[in-house]
Amino acid sequence: MTFQERQEFLKILQAHAQTVAICEACASTTRDLAAEVARGSLPRSSDLKTTIEEAERTLAQLASVREEVERLMTAFGSRS
């Protein structure tokens, strides 16, 4: 494997690691909100606003990861 191939492979691994971290954050937030509702309470408006803002950041990060994966797939000749 050449140095450039290794660098591209590492980019793919980093994108996957970032995706896993984002998914973990989403699952954790969803679990916490569901647990609060299950206890019979409603999340505070400020907590919901924070969750919405975090979701927007997460969606932007996932879009960046998707774009990088698609770029690498194109670069390596994958057909999607």
Protein backbone atom coordinates (compact mmCIF):
# COMPACT_ATOMS: atom_id res chain seq x y z
CA MET A 1 0.00 0.00 0.00
CA THR A 2 1.45 3.36 -1.00
CA PHE A 3 1.63 6.31 1.36
CA GLN A 4 -1.20 8.06 -0.49
CA GLU A 5 -3.39 4.94 -0.38
CA ARG A 6 -2.71 4.64 3.33
CA GLN A 7 -3.70 8.28 3.85
CA GLU A 8 -6.96 7.79 1.94
CA PHE A 9 -7.69 4.61 3.92
CA LEU A 10 -7.08 6.48 7.17
CA LYS A 11 -9.55 9.17 6.03
CA ILE A 12 -12.16 6.45 5.57
CA LEU A 13 -11.49 5.05 9.03
CA GLN A 14 -11.70 8.53 10.56
CA ALA A 15 -15.02 9.14 8.81
CA HIS A 16 -16.38 5.88 10.18
CA ALA A 17 -15.12 6.70 13.68
CA GLN A 18 -16.80 10.11 13.49
CA THR A 19 -20.03 8.51 12.31
CA VAL A 20 -20.00 6.08 15.24
CA ALA A 21 -19.41 8.93 17.69
CA ILE A 22 -22.27 10.94 16.20
CA CYS A 23 -24.61 7.95 16.34
CA GLU A 24 -23.67 7.32 19.97
CA ALA A 25 -24.46 10.94 20.84
CA CYS A 26 -27.82 10.72 19.07
CA ALA A 27 -28.74 7.47 20.79
CA SER A 28 -27.72 8.86 24.18
CA THR A 29 -29.81 12.01 23.70
CA THR A 30 -32.80 10.01 22.51
CA ARG A 31 -32.51 7.65 25.48
CA ASP A 32 -32.26 10.52 27.96
CA LEU A 33 -35.28 12.32 26.52
CA ALA A 34 -37.33 9.12 26.41
CA ALA A 35 -36.42 8.31 30.02
CA GLU A 36 -37.54 11.76 31.12
CA VAL A 37 -40.88 11.42 29.33
CA ALA A 38 -41.30 7.89 30.69
CA ARG A 39 -40.93 9.26 34.23
CA GLY A 40 -43.93 11.44 33.46
CA SER A 41 -42.14 14.72 33.13
CA LEU A 42 -41.79 16.93 30.12
CA PRO A 43 -38.42 18.20 28.99
CA ARG A 44 -37.88 21.88 29.61
CA SER A 45 -38.17 24.11 26.58
CA SER A 46 -34.51 25.09 26.93
CA ASP A 47 -33.47 21.41 26.97
CA LEU A 48 -35.47 20.76 23.80
CA LYS A 49 -33.90 23.80 22.14
CA THR A 50 -30.44 22.50 23.05
CA THR A 51 -31.37 19.09 21.63
CA ILE A 52 -32.57 20.68 18.39
CA GLU A 53 -29.34 22.68 18.07
CA GLU A 54 -27.26 19.55 18.70
CA ALA A 55 -29.32 17.64 16.14
CA GLU A 56 -28.63 20.35 13.56
CA ARG A 57 -24.88 20.12 14.27
CA THR A 58 -25.08 16.34 14.05
CA LEU A 59 -26.87 16.46 10.70
CA ALA A 60 -24.23 18.84 9.35
CA GLN A 61 -21.43 16.55 10.56
CA LEU A 62 -23.10 13.51 9.05
CA ALA A 63 -23.47 15.34 5.73
CA SER A 64 -19.73 16.08 5.79
CA VAL A 65 -18.91 12.45 6.54
CA ARG A 66 -21.26 11.27 3.77
CA GLU A 67 -19.66 13.66 1.28
CA GLU A 68 -16.17 12.44 2.17
CA VAL A 69 -17.18 8.78 1.90
CA GLU A 70 -18.82 9.47 -1.47
CA ARG A 71 -15.70 11.32 -2.65
CA LEU A 72 -13.48 8.42 -1.63
CA MET A 73 -15.83 5.91 -3.27
CA THR A 74 -15.61 7.89 -6.49
CA ALA A 75 -11.84 8.18 -6.18
CA PHE A 76 -11.51 4.41 -5.77
CA GLY A 77 -13.92 3.66 -8.60
CA SER A 78 -16.91 2.43 -6.61
CA ARG A 79 -20.24 2.60 -8.38
CA SER A 80 -23.18 3.60 -6.23
